Amino acid sequence: MLGGIRYLRWAGAESYYATASNSIDSQSVYSPSLVLRNDYIAWEAGLGFDIYFSFFKMSPEIRFSQSVNNIFDNNHLLAKDNKFMKPLDKGLIRNVYFSLIFQ
């Protein structure tokens, strides 16, 4: 059994939004559709087991993950007057992972 908390950070988001902010300041028509936070926390739960063969071990695992808080950054400069951000109050990320590990 697996359970815990995961901290995730998107590496290129800050530079991407900085470039977009600079292009908006220079009166460009560029505007990203949704503005996401650079990092978020998610909880995870899963189940896995080991299968032993004569020369290797296989470990299938299934895992469910869901973010704890809102992933949209409503306070960002690019989110103001953004027609795609206005109708959305909250967004969560939910994932189901299936993995096979061979050792």
PDB file of N, CA and C in Angstrom:
ATOM      1  N   MET A   1       0.845  -1.166   0.000  1.00  0.00           N
ATOM      2  CA  MET A   1       0.000   0.000   0.000  1.00  0.00           C
ATOM      3  C   MET A   1       0.896   1.236   0.000  1.00  0.00           C
ATOM      4  N   LEU A   2       0.399   2.278  -0.629  1.00  0.00           N
ATOM      5  CA  LEU A   2       1.154   3.516  -0.771  1.00  0.00           C
ATOM      6  C   LEU A   2       0.250   4.684  -0.418  1.00  0.00           C
ATOM      7  N   GLY A   3       0.779   5.631   0.304  1.00  0.00           N
ATOM      8  CA  GLY A   3       0.024   6.829   0.638  1.00  0.00           C
ATOM      9  C   GLY A   3       0.981   7.941   1.016  1.00  0.00           C
ATOM     10  N   GLY A   4       0.628   9.163   0.674  1.00  0.00           N
ATOM     11  CA  GLY A   4       1.503  10.259   1.042  1.00  0.00           C
ATOM     12  C   GLY A   4       1.139  11.551   0.348  1.00  0.00           C
ATOM     13  N   ILE A   5       2.041  12.518   0.519  1.00  0.00           N
ATOM     14  CA  ILE A   5       1.872  13.848  -0.060  1.00  0.00           C
ATOM     15  C   ILE A   5       3.032  14.109  -1.005  1.00  0.00           C
ATOM     16  N   ARG A   6       2.738  14.727  -2.143  1.00  0.00           N
ATOM     17  CA  ARG A   6       3.750  15.046  -3.147  1.00  0.00           C
ATOM     18  C   ARG A   6       3.731  16.544  -3.427  1.00  0.00           C
ATOM     19  N   TYR A   7       4.933  17.120  -3.484  1.00  0.00           N
ATOM     20  CA  TYR A   7       5.086  18.531  -3.853  1.00  0.00           C
ATOM     21  C   TYR A   7       5.584  18.582  -5.286  1.00  0.00           C
ATOM     22  N   LEU A   8       4.867  19.282  -6.163  1.00  0.00           N
ATOM     23  CA  LEU A   8       5.242  19.373  -7.573  1.00  0.00           C
ATOM     24  C   LEU A   8       5.517  20.814  -7.941  1.00  0.00           C
ATOM     25  N   ARG A   9       6.524  21.026  -8.771  1.00  0.00           N
ATOM     26  CA  ARG A   9       6.905  22.362  -9.229  1.00  0.00           C
ATOM     27  C   ARG A   9       7.197  22.287 -10.724  1.00  0.00           C
ATOM     28  N   TRP A  10       6.586  23.203 -11.482  1.00  0.00           N
ATOM     29  CA  TRP A  10       6.807  23.270 -12.917  1.00  0.00           C
ATOM     30  C   TRP A  10       7.982  24.194 -13.193  1.00  0.00           C
ATOM     31  N   ALA A  11       9.011  23.655 -13.807  1.00  0.00           N
ATOM     32  CA  ALA A  11      10.286  24.372 -13.945  1.00  0.00           C
ATOM     33  C   ALA A  11      10.202  25.557 -14.900  1.00  0.00           C
ATOM     34  N   GLY A  12       9.527  25.449 -16.022  1.00  0.00           N
ATOM     35  CA  GLY A  12       9.540  26.505 -17.016  1.00  0.00           C
ATOM     36  C   GLY A  12       8.422  27.513 -16.924  1.00  0.00           C
ATOM     37  N   ALA A  13       7.567  27.402 -15.939  1.00  0.00           N
ATOM     38  CA  ALA A  13       6.383  28.268 -15.873  1.00  0.00           C
ATOM     39  C   ALA A  13       6.749  29.720 -15.599  1.00  0.00           C
ATOM     40  N   GLU A  14       7.702  29.962 -14.708  1.00  0.00           N
ATOM     41  CA  GLU A  14       8.055  31.345 -14.370  1.00  0.00           C
ATOM     42  C   GLU A  14       8.618  32.094 -15.570  1.00  0.00           C
ATOM     43  N   SER A  15       9.517  31.463 -16.319  1.00  0.00           N
ATOM     44  CA  SER A  15      10.087  32.147 -17.486  1.00  0.00           C
ATOM     45  C   SER A  15       9.046  32.317 -18.592  1.00  0.00           C
ATOM     46  N   TYR A  16       8.131  31.347 -18.729  1.00  0.00           N
ATOM     47  CA  TYR A  16       7.079  31.452 -19.739  1.00  0.00           C
ATOM     48  C   TYR A  16       6.158  32.625 -19.447  1.00  0.00           C
ATOM     49  N   TYR A  17       5.721  32.753 -18.175  1.00  0.00           N
ATOM     50  CA  TYR A  17       4.834  33.853 -17.809  1.00  0.00           C
ATOM     51  C   TYR A  17       5.549  35.198 -17.817  1.00  0.00           C
ATOM     52  N   ALA A  18       6.854  35.206 -17.526  1.00  0.00           N
ATOM     53  CA  ALA A  18       7.617  36.455 -17.597  1.00  0.00           C
ATOM     54  C   ALA A  18       7.702  36.946 -19.035  1.00  0.00           C
ATOM     55  N   THR A  19       7.922  36.041 -19.980  1.00  0.00           N
ATOM     56  CA  THR A  19       7.951  36.401 -21.396  1.00  0.00           C
ATOM     57  C   THR A  19       6.581  36.900 -21.850  1.00  0.00           C
ATOM     58  N   ALA A  20       5.517  36.235 -21.390  1.00  0.00           N
ATOM     59  CA  ALA A  20       4.160  36.654 -21.756  1.00  0.00           C
ATOM     60  C   ALA A  20       3.837  38.021 -21.163  1.00  0.00           C
ATOM     61  N   SER A  21       4.274  38.274 -19.925  1.00  0.00           N
ATOM     62  CA  SER A  21       4.026  39.580 -19.298  1.00  0.00           C
ATOM     63  C   SER A  21       4.744  40.691 -20.040  1.00  0.00           C
ATOM     64  N   ASN A  22       5.961  40.438 -20.489  1.00  0.00           N
ATOM     65  CA  ASN A  22       6.719  41.438 -21.241  1.00  0.00           C
ATOM     66  C   ASN A  22       6.064  41.734 -22.584  1.00  0.00           C
ATOM     67  N   SER A  23       5.515  40.715 -23.238  1.00  0.00           N
ATOM     68  CA  SER A  23       4.879  40.940 -24.529  1.00  0.00           C
ATOM     69  C   SER A  23       3.552  41.694 -24.369  1.00  0.00           C
ATOM     70  N   ILE A  24       2.853  41.494 -23.235  1.00  0.00           N
ATOM     71  CA  ILE A  24       1.614  42.242 -22.989  1.00  0.00           C
ATOM     72  C   ILE A  24       1.948  43.703 -22.699  1.00  0.00           C
ATOM     73  N   ASP A  25       3.038  43.940 -21.963  1.00  0.00           N
ATOM     74  CA  ASP A  25       3.444  45.312 -21.670  1.00  0.00           C
ATOM     75  C   ASP A  25       3.814  46.075 -22.933  1.00  0.00           C
ATOM     76  N   SER A  26       4.279  45.366 -23.945  1.00  0.00           N
ATOM     77  CA  SER A  26       4.662  46.035 -25.193  1.00  0.00           C
ATOM     78  C   SER A  26       3.514  46.081 -26.203  1.00  0.00           C
ATOM     79  N   GLN A  27       2.273  45.978 -25.718  1.00  0.00           N
ATOM     80  CA  GLN A  27       1.050  46.084 -26.527  1.00  0.00           C
ATOM     81  C   GLN A  27       0.936  44.974 -27.578  1.00  0.00           C
ATOM     82  N   SER A  28       1.399  43.792 -27.261  1.00  0.00           N
ATOM     83  CA  SER A  28       1.244  42.646 -28.151  1.00  0.00           C
ATOM     84  C   SER A  28      -0.135  42.032 -27.922  1.00  0.00           C
ATOM     85  N   VAL A  29      -0.584  41.213 -28.838  1.00  0.00           N
ATOM     86  CA  VAL A  29      -1.893  40.573 -28.697  1.00  0.00           C
ATOM     87  C   VAL A  29      -1.777  39.208 -28.032  1.00  0.00           C
ATOM     88  N   TYR A  30      -0.586  38.850 -27.560  1.00  0.00           N
ATOM     89  CA  TYR A  30      -0.363  37.549 -26.945  1.00  0.00           C
ATOM     90  C   TYR A  30      -0.986  37.502 -25.557  1.00  0.00           C
ATOM     91  N   SER A  31      -1.755  36.460 -25.270  1.00  0.00           N
ATOM     92  CA  SER A  31      -2.324  36.246 -23.945  1.00  0.00           C
ATOM     93  C   SER A  31      -2.513  34.745 -23.737  1.00  0.00           C
ATOM     94  N   PRO A  32      -1.943  34.175 -22.681  1.00  0.00           N
ATOM     95  CA  PRO A  32      -2.158  32.741 -22.445  1.00  0.00           C
ATOM     96  C   PRO A  32      -3.604  32.483 -22.034  1.00  0.00           C
ATOM     97  N   SER A  33      -4.099  31.309 -22.362  1.00  0.00           N
ATOM     98  CA  SER A  33      -5.493  31.022 -22.075  1.00  0.00           C
ATOM     99  C   SER A  33      -5.742  30.810 -20.584  1.00  0.00           C
ATOM    100  N   LEU A  34      -4.955  29.985 -19.912  1.00  0.00           N
ATOM    101  CA  LEU A  34      -5.113  29.747 -18.483  1.00  0.00           C
ATOM    102  C   LEU A  34      -3.785  30.008 -17.790  1.00  0.00           C
ATOM    103  N   VAL A  35      -3.830  30.636 -16.643  1.00  0.00           N
ATOM    104  CA  VAL A  35      -2.621  30.931 -15.875  1.00  0.00           C
ATOM    105  C   VAL A  35      -2.598  29.992 -14.673  1.00  0.00           C
ATOM    106  N   LEU A  36      -1.588  29.117 -14.632  1.00  0.00           N
ATOM    107  CA  LEU A  36      -1.465  28.120 -13.575  1.00  0.00           C
ATOM    108  C   LEU A  36      -0.409  28.525 -12.565  1.00  0.00           C
ATOM    109  N   ARG A  37      -0.543  28.043 -11.350  1.00  0.00           N
ATOM    110  CA  ARG A  37       0.472  28.274 -10.324  1.00  0.00           C
ATOM    111  C   ARG A  37       1.739  27.497 -10.670  1.00  0.00           C
ATOM    112  N   ASN A  38       2.862  27.959 -10.172  1.00  0.00           N
ATOM    113  CA  ASN A  38       4.140  27.288 -10.453  1.00  0.00           C
ATOM    114  C   ASN A  38       4.315  26.000  -9.669  1.00  0.00           C
ATOM    115  N   ASP A  39       3.630  25.866  -8.546  1.00  0.00           N
ATOM    116  CA  ASP A  39       3.781  24.673  -7.728  1.00  0.00           C
ATOM    117  C   ASP A  39       2.451  24.335  -7.061  1.00  0.00           C
ATOM    118  N   TYR A  40       2.320  23.090  -6.673  1.00  0.00           N
ATOM    119  CA  TYR A  40       1.131  22.668  -5.943  1.00  0.00           C
ATOM    120  C   TYR A  40       1.443  21.411  -5.142  1.00  0.00           C
ATOM    121  N   ILE A  41       0.569  21.098  -4.207  1.00  0.00           N
ATOM    122  CA  ILE A  41       0.704  19.916  -3.353  1.00  0.00           C
ATOM    123  C   ILE A  41      -0.440  18.967  -3.684  1.00  0.00           C
ATOM    124  N   ALA A  42      -0.118  17.681  -3.769  1.00  0.00           N
ATOM    125  CA  ALA A  42      -1.120  16.659  -4.068  1.00  0.00           C
ATOM    126  C   ALA A  42      -1.002  15.521  -3.059  1.00  0.00           C
ATOM    127  N   TRP A  43      -2.112  14.849  -2.809  1.00  0.00           N
ATOM    128  CA  TRP A  43      -2.076  13.640  -1.990  1.00  0.00           C
ATOM    129  C   TRP A  43      -2.172  12.433  -2.908  1.00  0.00           C
ATOM    130  N   GLU A  44      -1.584  11.330  -2.487  1.00  0.00           N
ATOM    131  CA  GLU A  44      -1.551  10.121  -3.302  1.00  0.00           C
ATOM    132  C   GLU A  44      -1.933   8.899  -2.479  1.00  0.00           C
ATOM    133  N   ALA A  45      -2.533   7.942  -3.161  1.00  0.00           N
ATOM    134  CA  ALA A  45      -2.842   6.644  -2.566  1.00  0.00           C
ATOM    135  C   ALA A  45      -2.696   5.603  -3.665  1.00  0.00           C
ATOM    136  N   GLY A  46      -2.177   4.450  -3.315  1.00  0.00           N
ATOM    137  CA  GLY A  46      -1.980   3.435  -4.331  1.00  0.00           C
ATOM    138  C   GLY A  46      -1.805   2.047  -3.743  1.00  0.00           C
ATOM    139  N   LEU A  47      -1.698   1.102  -4.664  1.00  0.00           N
ATOM    140  CA  LEU A  47      -1.557  -0.289  -4.298  1.00  0.00           C
ATOM    141  C   LEU A  47      -0.627  -0.957  -5.302  1.00  0.00           C
ATOM    142  N   GLY A  48       0.259  -1.777  -4.804  1.00  0.00           N
ATOM    143  CA  GLY A  48       1.173  -2.500  -5.682  1.00  0.00           C
ATOM    144  C   GLY A  48       1.625  -3.791  -5.033  1.00  0.00           C
ATOM    145  N   PHE A  49       2.256  -4.638  -5.824  1.00  0.00           N
ATOM    146  CA  PHE A  49       2.772  -5.899  -5.288  1.00  0.00           C
ATOM    147  C   PHE A  49       3.939  -6.343  -6.161  1.00  0.00           C
ATOM    148  N   ASP A  50       4.694  -7.329  -5.674  1.00  0.00           N
ATOM    149  CA  ASP A  50       5.865  -7.850  -6.374  1.00  0.00           C
ATOM    150  C   ASP A  50       5.582  -9.253  -6.878  1.00  0.00           C
ATOM    151  N   ILE A  51       6.030  -9.519  -8.106  1.00  0.00           N
ATOM    152  CA  ILE A  51       5.962 -10.859  -8.688  1.00  0.00           C
ATOM    153  C   ILE A  51       7.397 -11.279  -8.981  1.00  0.00           C
ATOM    154  N   TYR A  52       7.832 -12.362  -8.374  1.00  0.00           N
ATOM    155  CA  TYR A  52       9.207 -12.826  -8.531  1.00  0.00           C
ATOM    156  C   TYR A  52       9.273 -13.916  -9.597  1.00  0.00           C
ATOM    157  N   PHE A  53      10.141 -13.711 -10.576  1.00  0.00           N
ATOM    158  CA  PHE A  53      10.439 -14.698 -11.606  1.00  0.00           C
ATOM    159  C   PHE A  53      11.839 -15.234 -11.355  1.00  0.00           C
ATOM    160  N   SER A  54      12.301 -16.160 -12.170  1.00  0.00           N
ATOM    161  CA  SER A  54      13.608 -16.773 -11.910  1.00  0.00           C
ATOM    162  C   SER A  54      14.773 -15.799 -12.123  1.00  0.00           C
ATOM    163  N   PHE A  55      14.685 -14.836 -13.064  1.00  0.00           N
ATOM    164  CA  PHE A  55      15.793 -13.917 -13.332  1.00  0.00           C
ATOM    165  C   PHE A  55      15.479 -12.439 -13.069  1.00  0.00           C
ATOM    166  N   PHE A  56      14.256 -12.107 -12.779  1.00  0.00           N
ATOM    167  CA  PHE A  56      13.907 -10.703 -12.533  1.00  0.00           C
ATOM    168  C   PHE A  56      12.662 -10.619 -11.654  1.00  0.00           C
ATOM    169  N   LYS A  57      12.381  -9.400 -11.245  1.00  0.00           N
ATOM    170  CA  LYS A  57      11.205  -9.123 -10.414  1.00  0.00           C
ATOM    171  C   LYS A  57      10.360  -8.075 -11.138  1.00  0.00           C
ATOM    172  N   MET A  58       9.046  -8.258 -11.173  1.00  0.00           N
ATOM    173  CA  MET A  58       8.130  -7.296 -11.771  1.00  0.00           C
ATOM    174  C   MET A  58       7.208  -6.758 -10.678  1.00  0.00           C
ATOM    175  N   SER A  59       7.040  -5.427 -10.664  1.00  0.00           N
ATOM    176  CA  SER A  59       6.206  -4.792  -9.644  1.00  0.00           C
ATOM    177  C   SER A  59       5.143  -3.921 -10.308  1.00  0.00           C
ATOM    178  N   PRO A  60       3.931  -4.434 -10.493  1.00  0.00           N
ATOM    179  CA  PRO A  60       2.851  -3.573 -10.993  1.00  0.00           C
ATOM    180  C   PRO A  60       2.319  -2.688  -9.866  1.00  0.00           C
ATOM    181  N   GLU A  61       1.933  -1.472 -10.244  1.00  0.00           N
ATOM    182  CA  GLU A  61       1.447  -0.513  -9.245  1.00  0.00           C
ATOM    183  C   GLU A  61       0.391   0.372  -9.877  1.00  0.00           C
ATOM    184  N   ILE A  62      -0.657   0.658  -9.124  1.00  0.00           N
ATOM    185  CA  ILE A  62      -1.670   1.617  -9.551  1.00  0.00           C
ATOM    186  C   ILE A  62      -1.752   2.688  -8.462  1.00  0.00           C
ATOM    187  N   ARG A  63      -1.794   3.953  -8.902  1.00  0.00           N
ATOM    188  CA  ARG A  63      -1.722   5.073  -7.972  1.00  0.00           C
ATOM    189  C   ARG A  63      -2.717   6.149  -8.389  1.00  0.00           C
ATOM    190  N   PHE A  64      -3.388   6.739  -7.403  1.00  0.00           N
ATOM    191  CA  PHE A  64      -4.311   7.850  -7.620  1.00  0.00           C
ATOM    192  C   PHE A  64      -3.725   9.083  -6.956  1.00  0.00           C
ATOM    193  N   SER A  65      -3.766  10.216  -7.653  1.00  0.00           N
ATOM    194  CA  SER A  65      -3.213  11.459  -7.136  1.00  0.00           C
ATOM    195  C   SER A  65      -4.205  12.593  -7.402  1.00  0.00           C
ATOM    196  N   GLN A  66      -4.367  13.487  -6.423  1.00  0.00           N
ATOM    197  CA  GLN A  66      -5.234  14.653  -6.590  1.00  0.00           C
ATOM    198  C   GLN A  66      -4.615  15.848  -5.887  1.00  0.00           C
ATOM    199  N   SER A  67      -4.665  17.006  -6.550  1.00  0.00           N
ATOM    200  CA  SER A  67      -4.127  18.222  -5.947  1.00  0.00           C
ATOM    201  C   SER A  67      -5.009  18.669  -4.783  1.00  0.00           C
ATOM    202  N   VAL A  68      -4.387  19.347  -3.821  1.00  0.00           N
ATOM    203  CA  VAL A  68      -5.091  19.755  -2.613  1.00  0.00           C
ATOM    204  C   VAL A  68      -5.792  21.096  -2.813  1.00  0.00           C
ATOM    205  N   ASN A  69      -5.106  22.046  -3.408  1.00  0.00           N
ATOM    206  CA  ASN A  69      -5.639  23.403  -3.564  1.00  0.00           C
ATOM    207  C   ASN A  69      -5.898  23.726  -5.034  1.00  0.00           C
ATOM    208  N   ASN A  70      -6.376  24.919  -5.261  1.00  0.00           N
ATOM    209  CA  ASN A  70      -6.628  25.441  -6.602  1.00  0.00           C
ATOM    210  C   ASN A  70      -5.302  25.590  -7.352  1.00  0.00           C
ATOM    211  N   ILE A  71      -5.247  25.145  -8.603  1.00  0.00           N
ATOM    212  CA  ILE A  71      -4.015  25.265  -9.379  1.00  0.00           C
ATOM    213  C   ILE A  71      -4.003  26.514 -10.252  1.00  0.00           C
ATOM    214  N   PHE A  72      -5.123  27.231 -10.344  1.00  0.00           N
ATOM    215  CA  PHE A  72      -5.164  28.465 -11.125  1.00  0.00           C
ATOM    216  C   PHE A  72      -4.617  29.625 -10.291  1.00  0.00           C
ATOM    217  N   ASP A  73      -3.843  30.490 -10.926  1.00  0.00           N
ATOM    218  CA  ASP A  73      -3.270  31.652 -10.256  1.00  0.00           C
ATOM    219  C   ASP A  73      -4.106  32.872 -10.632  1.00  0.00           C
ATOM    220  N   ASN A  74      -5.141  33.140  -9.839  1.00  0.00           N
ATOM    221  CA  ASN A  74      -6.053  34.250 -10.130  1.00  0.00           C
ATOM    222  C   ASN A  74      -5.464  35.610  -9.800  1.00  0.00           C
ATOM    223  N   ASN A  75      -4.381  35.657  -9.024  1.00  0.00           N
ATOM    224  CA  ASN A  75      -3.767  36.920  -8.632  1.00  0.00           C
ATOM    225  C   ASN A  75      -2.652  37.361  -9.574  1.00  0.00           C
ATOM    226  N   HIS A  76      -2.343  36.580 -10.581  1.00  0.00           N
ATOM    227  CA  HIS A  76      -1.264  36.906 -11.511  1.00  0.00           C
ATOM    228  C   HIS A  76      -1.676  38.053 -12.431  1.00  0.00           C
ATOM    229  N   LEU A  77      -0.690  38.778 -12.923  1.00  0.00           N
ATOM    230  CA  LEU A  77      -0.941  39.898 -13.830  1.00  0.00           C
ATOM    231  C   LEU A  77      -1.651  39.446 -15.104  1.00  0.00           C
ATOM    232  N   LEU A  78      -1.289  38.278 -15.611  1.00  0.00           N
ATOM    233  CA  LEU A  78      -1.900  37.777 -16.847  1.00  0.00           C
ATOM    234  C   LEU A  78      -3.336  37.290 -16.647  1.00  0.00           C
ATOM    235  N   ALA A  79      -3.744  37.028 -15.401  1.00  0.00           N
ATOM    236  CA  ALA A  79      -5.103  36.542 -15.141  1.00  0.00           C
ATOM    237  C   ALA A  79      -6.132  37.667 -15.104  1.00  0.00           C
ATOM    238  N   LYS A  80      -5.679  38.897 -14.955  1.00  0.00           N
ATOM    239  CA  LYS A  80      -6.612  40.028 -14.922  1.00  0.00           C
ATOM    240  C   LYS A  80      -7.137  40.299 -16.328  1.00  0.00           C
ATOM    241  N   ASP A  81      -8.429  40.468 -16.448  1.00  0.00           N
ATOM    242  CA  ASP A  81      -9.114  40.692 -17.725  1.00  0.00           C
ATOM    243  C   ASP A  81      -8.862  39.564 -18.726  1.00  0.00           C
ATOM    244  N   ASN A  82      -8.666  38.350 -18.230  1.00  0.00           N
ATOM    245  CA  ASN A  82      -8.478  37.188 -19.088  1.00  0.00           C
ATOM    246  C   ASN A  82      -9.833  36.507 -19.252  1.00  0.00           C
ATOM    247  N   LYS A  83     -10.333  36.435 -20.479  1.00  0.00           N
ATOM    248  CA  LYS A  83     -11.680  35.902 -20.709  1.00  0.00           C
ATOM    249  C   LYS A  83     -11.780  34.403 -20.437  1.00  0.00           C
ATOM    250  N   PHE A  84     -10.649  33.702 -20.419  1.00  0.00           N
ATOM    251  CA  PHE A  84     -10.682  32.275 -20.137  1.00  0.00           C
ATOM    252  C   PHE A  84     -10.661  31.980 -18.639  1.00  0.00           C
ATOM    253  N   MET A  85     -10.111  32.900 -17.848  1.00  0.00           N
ATOM    254  CA  MET A  85     -10.006  32.683 -16.403  1.00  0.00           C
ATOM    255  C   MET A  85     -11.261  33.122 -15.637  1.00  0.00           C
ATOM    256  N   LYS A  86     -12.028  34.042 -16.160  1.00  0.00           N
ATOM    257  CA  LYS A  86     -13.172  34.592 -15.435  1.00  0.00           C
ATOM    258  C   LYS A  86     -14.238  33.552 -15.065  1.00  0.00           C
ATOM    259  N   PRO A  87     -14.629  32.635 -15.966  1.00  0.00           N
ATOM    260  CA  PRO A  87     -15.697  31.704 -15.577  1.00  0.00           C
ATOM    261  C   PRO A  87     -15.243  30.579 -14.653  1.00  0.00           C
ATOM    262  N   LEU A  88     -13.935  30.435 -14.417  1.00  0.00           N
ATOM    263  CA  LEU A  88     -13.428  29.333 -13.597  1.00  0.00           C
ATOM    264  C   LEU A  88     -13.093  29.818 -12.192  1.00  0.00           C
ATOM    265  N   ASP A  89     -13.647  29.156 -11.196  1.00  0.00           N
ATOM    266  CA  ASP A  89     -13.352  29.490  -9.807  1.00  0.00           C
ATOM    267  C   ASP A  89     -12.194  28.656  -9.261  1.00  0.00           C
ATOM    268  N   LYS A  90     -12.191  27.367  -9.607  1.00  0.00           N
ATOM    269  CA  LYS A  90     -11.231  26.450  -9.010  1.00  0.00           C
ATOM    270  C   LYS A  90     -10.901  25.339  -9.996  1.00  0.00           C
ATOM    271  N   GLY A  91      -9.674  24.882  -9.962  1.00  0.00           N
ATOM    272  CA  GLY A  91      -9.255  23.762 -10.794  1.00  0.00           C
ATOM    273  C   GLY A  91      -8.394  22.805  -9.990  1.00  0.00           C
ATOM    274  N   LEU A  92      -8.643  21.517 -10.135  1.00  0.00           N
ATOM    275  CA  LEU A  92      -7.869  20.491  -9.456  1.00  0.00           C
ATOM    276  C   LEU A  92      -7.274  19.548 -10.500  1.00  0.00           C
ATOM    277  N   ILE A  93      -6.155  18.954 -10.166  1.00  0.00           N
ATOM    278  CA  ILE A  93      -5.538  17.960 -11.048  1.00  0.00           C
ATOM    279  C   ILE A  93      -5.750  16.589 -10.424  1.00  0.00           C
ATOM    280  N   ARG A  94      -6.311  15.676 -11.199  1.00  0.00           N
ATOM    281  CA  ARG A  94      -6.509  14.294 -10.765  1.00  0.00           C
ATOM    282  C   ARG A  94      -5.835  13.378 -11.777  1.00  0.00           C
ATOM    283  N   ASN A  95      -5.056  12.442 -11.272  1.00  0.00           N
ATOM    284  CA  ASN A  95      -4.332  11.505 -12.138  1.00  0.00           C
ATOM    285  C   ASN A  95      -4.491  10.086 -11.620  1.00  0.00           C
ATOM    286  N   VAL A  96      -4.501   9.140 -12.545  1.00  0.00           N
ATOM    287  CA  VAL A  96      -4.414   7.727 -12.226  1.00  0.00           C
ATOM    288  C   VAL A  96      -3.191   7.195 -12.971  1.00  0.00           C
ATOM    289  N   TYR A  97      -2.244   6.649 -12.212  1.00  0.00           N
ATOM    290  CA  TYR A  97      -1.011   6.114 -12.792  1.00  0.00           C
ATOM    291  C   TYR A  97      -1.028   4.596 -12.722  1.00  0.00           C
ATOM    292  N   PHE A  98      -0.579   3.977 -13.771  1.00  0.00           N
ATOM    293  CA  PHE A  98      -0.314   2.538 -13.765  1.00  0.00           C
ATOM    294  C   PHE A  98       1.114   2.343 -14.205  1.00  0.00           C
ATOM    295  N   SER A  99       1.883   1.638 -13.422  1.00  0.00           N
ATOM    296  CA  SER A  99       3.293   1.454 -13.766  1.00  0.00           C
ATOM    297  C   SER A  99       3.691  -0.003 -13.580  1.00  0.00           C
ATOM    298  N   LEU A 100       4.611  -0.417 -14.434  1.00  0.00           N
ATOM    299  CA  LEU A 100       5.249  -1.731 -14.329  1.00  0.00           C
ATOM    300  C   LEU A 100       6.735  -1.509 -14.135  1.00  0.00           C
ATOM    301  N   ILE A 101       7.283  -2.000 -13.049  1.00  0.00           N
ATOM    302  CA  ILE A 101       8.689  -1.826 -12.751  1.00  0.00           C
ATOM    303  C   ILE A 101       9.369  -3.184 -12.843  1.00  0.00           C
ATOM    304  N   PHE A 102      10.387  -3.246 -13.691  1.00  0.00           N
ATOM    305  CA  PHE A 102      11.166  -4.490 -13.852  1.00  0.00           C
ATOM    306  C   PHE A 102      12.530  -4.302 -13.221  1.00  0.00           C
ATOM    307  N   GLN A 103      12.911  -5.225 -12.347  1.00  0.00           N
ATOM    308  CA  GLN A 103      14.237  -5.169 -11.710  1.00  0.00           C
ATOM    309  C   GLN A 103      14.939  -6.491 -11.892  1.00  0.00           C
TER     310      GLN A 103
END
